[in-house]
Amino acid sequence: MLNRVTAVLLLSLTLITSGCGASPMKTPNIKQNPNPKMRYEITITIDGAPGPFDSINGYVMYQVENDDCVPLQPGSGARLAPEKSMPVTFTREVSGSNVFKGTLYTDLMQDENYFGLGVCHWTVGGTGANLNLGKIVFSSGMSLDDVQSQKPLVTYFANSLFHNPKMEGGDTGTIRTAYVAQHPNEFFSVTLVTKKDF
């Protein structure tokens, strides 16, 4: 998820700054919903990690789902629907535990006519947690469907990456493959689950 989001943002930046020397579309003043209601509690459970993490933080990536409300880019003719990443703060449930809780709103961004072409409707493109250790980030993500289903999503990460000084960058882990099932001591897991609170 982290790599996909990064790739999308880099692609958008490339398109915005290219195209026959034309000026890029002016970014509107994106607003937050003053009264969001669609609240979810998100819980992280870490199981079997070889040690503690330096920090844990989360994110929600919001995106406009109807790009017909966005003007065409000069030169490229592409419609670049706005995106907005917002942080999620996780707090350890009990001192010394491996459970962390945070909150997110799926309706945090304000639907509005930002470009004079009709109302832009926001949705959640994805959310997740980043477990930071040195120069490596263990990233576990969820789609909007995952959030709304409120079913646990488990991601497995190799223990060998944990204290490897040569490792840096992001790791998005794996699902429970046959290899993971046969070699449980080689992996730790991160479980994300949401709970509707509205």
Protein backbone atom coordinates (compact mmCIF):
# COMPACT_ATOMS: atom_id res chain seq x y z
CA MET A 1 0.00 0.00 0.00
CA LEU A 2 2.71 2.47 0.89
CA ASN A 3 4.57 1.80 -2.36
CA ARG A 4 1.37 2.13 -4.42
CA VAL A 5 0.42 5.43 -2.80
CA THR A 6 3.95 6.77 -3.31
CA ALA A 7 3.89 5.75 -6.97
CA VAL A 8 0.54 7.45 -7.52
CA LEU A 9 1.75 10.66 -5.90
CA LEU A 10 4.96 10.67 -7.94
CA LEU A 11 3.01 10.05 -11.15
CA SER A 12 0.63 12.89 -10.33
CA LEU A 13 3.54 15.23 -9.61
CA THR A 14 5.19 14.30 -12.92
CA LEU A 15 2.01 14.99 -14.89
CA ILE A 16 1.36 18.26 -13.12
CA THR A 17 4.82 19.62 -13.83
CA SER A 18 5.00 18.44 -17.45
CA GLY A 19 3.17 19.20 -20.66
CA CYS A 20 4.35 21.70 -23.27
CA GLY A 21 5.61 24.16 -20.72
CA ALA A 22 2.03 25.01 -19.74
CA SER A 23 1.18 26.21 -16.26
CA PRO A 24 -0.17 23.46 -14.02
CA MET A 25 -3.69 23.57 -12.65
CA LYS A 26 -3.94 25.66 -9.52
CA THR A 27 -4.52 23.51 -6.46
CA PRO A 28 -7.73 24.54 -4.70
CA ASN A 29 -8.07 25.17 -0.99
CA ILE A 30 -9.25 21.71 0.02
CA LYS A 31 -11.49 21.85 3.06
CA GLN A 32 -12.26 19.45 5.85
CA ASN A 33 -15.81 18.51 6.74
CA PRO A 34 -16.61 20.63 9.83
CA ASN A 35 -18.91 17.93 11.19
CA PRO A 36 -17.70 14.45 10.14
CA LYS A 37 -19.85 11.58 11.37
CA MET A 38 -18.53 8.37 9.80
CA ARG A 39 -16.06 7.47 12.54
CA TYR A 40 -14.16 4.21 12.80
CA GLU A 41 -11.85 3.01 15.55
CA ILE A 42 -8.83 1.25 14.05
CA THR A 43 -6.82 -1.21 16.13
CA ILE A 44 -3.31 -2.53 15.46
CA THR A 45 -2.21 -5.77 17.11
CA ILE A 46 1.44 -6.80 16.73
CA ASP A 47 2.21 -10.46 17.36
CA GLY A 48 5.66 -12.02 17.57
CA ALA A 49 7.82 -9.04 16.60
CA PRO A 50 11.48 -9.58 17.63
CA GLY A 51 11.57 -6.26 19.46
CA PRO A 52 9.98 -2.82 19.84
CA PHE A 53 9.53 -0.28 17.06
CA ASP A 54 10.88 3.27 17.11
CA SER A 55 7.44 4.68 16.36
CA ILE A 56 4.06 3.78 14.91
CA ASN A 57 1.96 6.15 12.85
CA GLY A 58 -0.93 5.89 10.45
CA TYR A 59 -2.46 7.63 7.49
CA VAL A 60 -5.68 7.93 5.52
CA MET A 61 -5.45 8.72 1.82
CA TYR A 62 -8.51 10.60 0.57
CA GLN A 63 -9.23 11.07 -3.12
CA VAL A 64 -11.91 12.62 -5.31
CA GLU A 65 -13.90 9.79 -6.89
CA ASN A 66 -15.60 11.76 -9.72
CA ASP A 67 -12.89 13.34 -11.85
CA ASP A 68 -15.44 15.08 -14.10
CA CYS A 69 -15.44 17.85 -11.47
CA VAL A 70 -11.77 18.53 -12.26
CA PRO A 71 -10.58 20.59 -15.26
CA LEU A 72 -8.40 19.12 -17.98
CA GLN A 73 -4.68 19.77 -17.67
CA PRO A 74 -3.26 22.02 -20.38
CA GLY A 75 -1.00 20.08 -22.69
CA SER A 76 -1.59 16.55 -21.38
CA GLY A 77 -5.39 16.72 -21.32
CA ALA A 78 -5.43 14.59 -18.17
CA ARG A 79 -7.79 15.09 -15.27
CA LEU A 80 -5.83 15.00 -12.02
CA ALA A 81 -8.30 14.38 -9.23
CA PRO A 82 -7.13 15.89 -5.93
CA GLU A 83 -5.77 13.65 -3.19
CA LYS A 84 -5.12 14.41 0.46
CA SER A 85 -3.22 12.35 3.01
CA MET A 86 -4.15 12.84 6.66
CA PRO A 87 -2.34 11.38 9.69
CA VAL A 88 -3.78 8.86 12.12
CA THR A 89 -2.35 8.91 15.64
CA PHE A 90 -2.09 5.56 17.41
CA THR A 91 -1.96 5.22 21.19
CA ARG A 92 -0.85 2.11 23.06
CA GLU A 93 -3.93 0.60 24.69
CA VAL A 94 -2.14 -0.40 27.91
CA SER A 95 1.44 0.28 28.94
CA GLY A 96 3.66 -2.51 27.64
CA SER A 97 0.98 -4.05 25.43
CA ASN A 98 1.22 -4.76 21.71
CA VAL A 99 -2.17 -3.21 20.91
CA PHE A 100 -2.55 0.32 19.58
CA LYS A 101 -5.72 2.26 18.80
CA GLY A 102 -6.53 5.23 16.60
CA THR A 103 -9.53 6.81 14.89
CA LEU A 104 -10.38 7.83 11.35
CA TYR A 105 -13.32 9.41 9.57
CA THR A 106 -14.30 8.29 6.09
CA ASP A 107 -16.13 11.59 5.52
CA LEU A 108 -13.38 13.90 6.78
CA MET A 109 -12.98 15.84 3.53
CA GLN A 110 -15.58 18.38 2.41
CA ASP A 111 -17.54 17.67 -0.79
CA GLU A 112 -17.58 20.97 -2.65
CA ASN A 113 -17.50 22.61 -6.08
CA TYR A 114 -13.76 23.34 -5.99
CA PHE A 115 -13.26 24.03 -9.70
CA GLY A 116 -16.63 25.40 -10.85
CA LEU A 117 -17.41 22.16 -12.72
CA GLY A 118 -19.70 20.53 -10.17
CA VAL A 119 -19.33 19.08 -6.70
CA CYS A 120 -16.24 16.94 -6.11
CA HIS A 121 -17.07 13.91 -3.96
CA TRP A 122 -14.36 12.56 -1.67
CA THR A 123 -13.79 8.94 -0.73
CA VAL A 124 -11.13 6.96 1.11
CA GLY A 125 -8.52 5.50 -1.23
CA GLY A 126 -6.80 3.59 1.55
CA THR A 127 -5.62 3.67 5.13
CA GLY A 128 -2.96 1.92 7.10
CA ALA A 129 -0.22 1.84 9.68
CA ASN A 130 3.52 2.38 9.39
CA LEU A 131 5.74 0.64 11.95
CA ASN A 132 9.08 2.44 11.87
CA LEU A 133 12.40 0.89 12.83
CA GLY A 134 15.62 2.59 11.82
CA LYS A 135 15.51 3.15 8.08
CA ILE A 136 12.85 0.55 7.34
CA VAL A 137 9.07 0.98 7.45
CA PHE A 138 6.80 -2.02 7.88
CA SER A 139 3.56 -0.91 6.24
CA SER A 140 0.17 -2.59 6.51
CA GLY A 141 -2.75 -1.13 4.58
CA MET A 142 -6.51 -1.43 4.19
CA SER A 143 -8.93 -0.47 1.43
CA LEU A 144 -12.24 1.29 2.08
CA ASP A 145 -13.99 -2.08 1.69
CA ASP A 146 -11.73 -3.50 4.40
CA VAL A 147 -12.57 -0.59 6.69
CA GLN A 148 -16.32 -0.95 6.15
CA SER A 149 -16.34 -4.74 6.48
CA GLN A 150 -14.78 -4.49 9.98
CA LYS A 151 -13.01 -7.81 9.41
CA PRO A 152 -9.42 -8.33 10.63
CA LEU A 153 -6.70 -7.94 8.00
CA VAL A 154 -3.45 -9.74 8.86
CA THR A 155 -0.09 -8.98 7.24
CA TYR A 156 3.08 -11.02 7.86
CA PHE A 157 6.62 -9.65 7.90
CA ALA A 158 9.93 -11.52 7.93
CA ASN A 159 11.81 -11.43 11.24
CA SER A 160 15.07 -11.33 9.27
CA LEU A 161 14.33 -7.73 8.26
CA PHE A 162 13.93 -6.52 11.81
CA HIS A 163 17.49 -5.74 12.90
CA ASN A 164 19.20 -5.89 9.52
CA PRO A 165 21.34 -2.71 9.29
CA LYS A 166 21.46 -3.01 5.49
CA MET A 167 17.70 -2.74 5.15
CA GLU A 168 15.99 0.53 4.36
CA GLY A 169 12.83 1.64 2.61
CA GLY A 170 9.37 0.15 2.86
CA ASP A 171 8.13 -3.41 3.25
CA THR A 172 4.45 -4.20 2.69
CA GLY A 173 4.66 -7.78 3.95
CA THR A 174 2.64 -10.73 2.70
CA ILE A 175 -0.59 -12.60 3.31
CA ARG A 176 -0.60 -16.00 5.03
CA THR A 177 0.99 -18.11 2.31
CA ALA A 178 1.82 -21.80 2.58
CA TYR A 179 5.42 -20.86 3.39
CA VAL A 180 4.32 -18.55 6.21
CA ALA A 181 2.09 -21.27 7.63
CA GLN A 182 4.94 -23.79 7.53
CA HIS A 183 7.54 -21.41 9.03
CA PRO A 184 5.68 -19.40 11.69
CA ASN A 185 8.83 -18.63 13.68
CA GLU A 186 10.27 -16.70 10.74
CA PHE A 187 7.51 -14.10 10.72
CA PHE A 188 5.67 -11.63 12.91
CA SER A 189 2.18 -10.38 12.15
CA VAL A 190 0.36 -7.07 12.18
CA THR A 191 -3.43 -7.20 12.39
CA LEU A 192 -5.58 -4.22 11.49
CA VAL A 193 -9.27 -4.18 12.32
CA THR A 194 -11.85 -1.42 12.41
CA LYS A 195 -14.98 -0.87 14.46
CA LYS A 196 -17.81 1.35 13.29
CA ASP A 197 -18.61 4.11 15.77
CA PHE A 198 -21.55 6.05 14.31
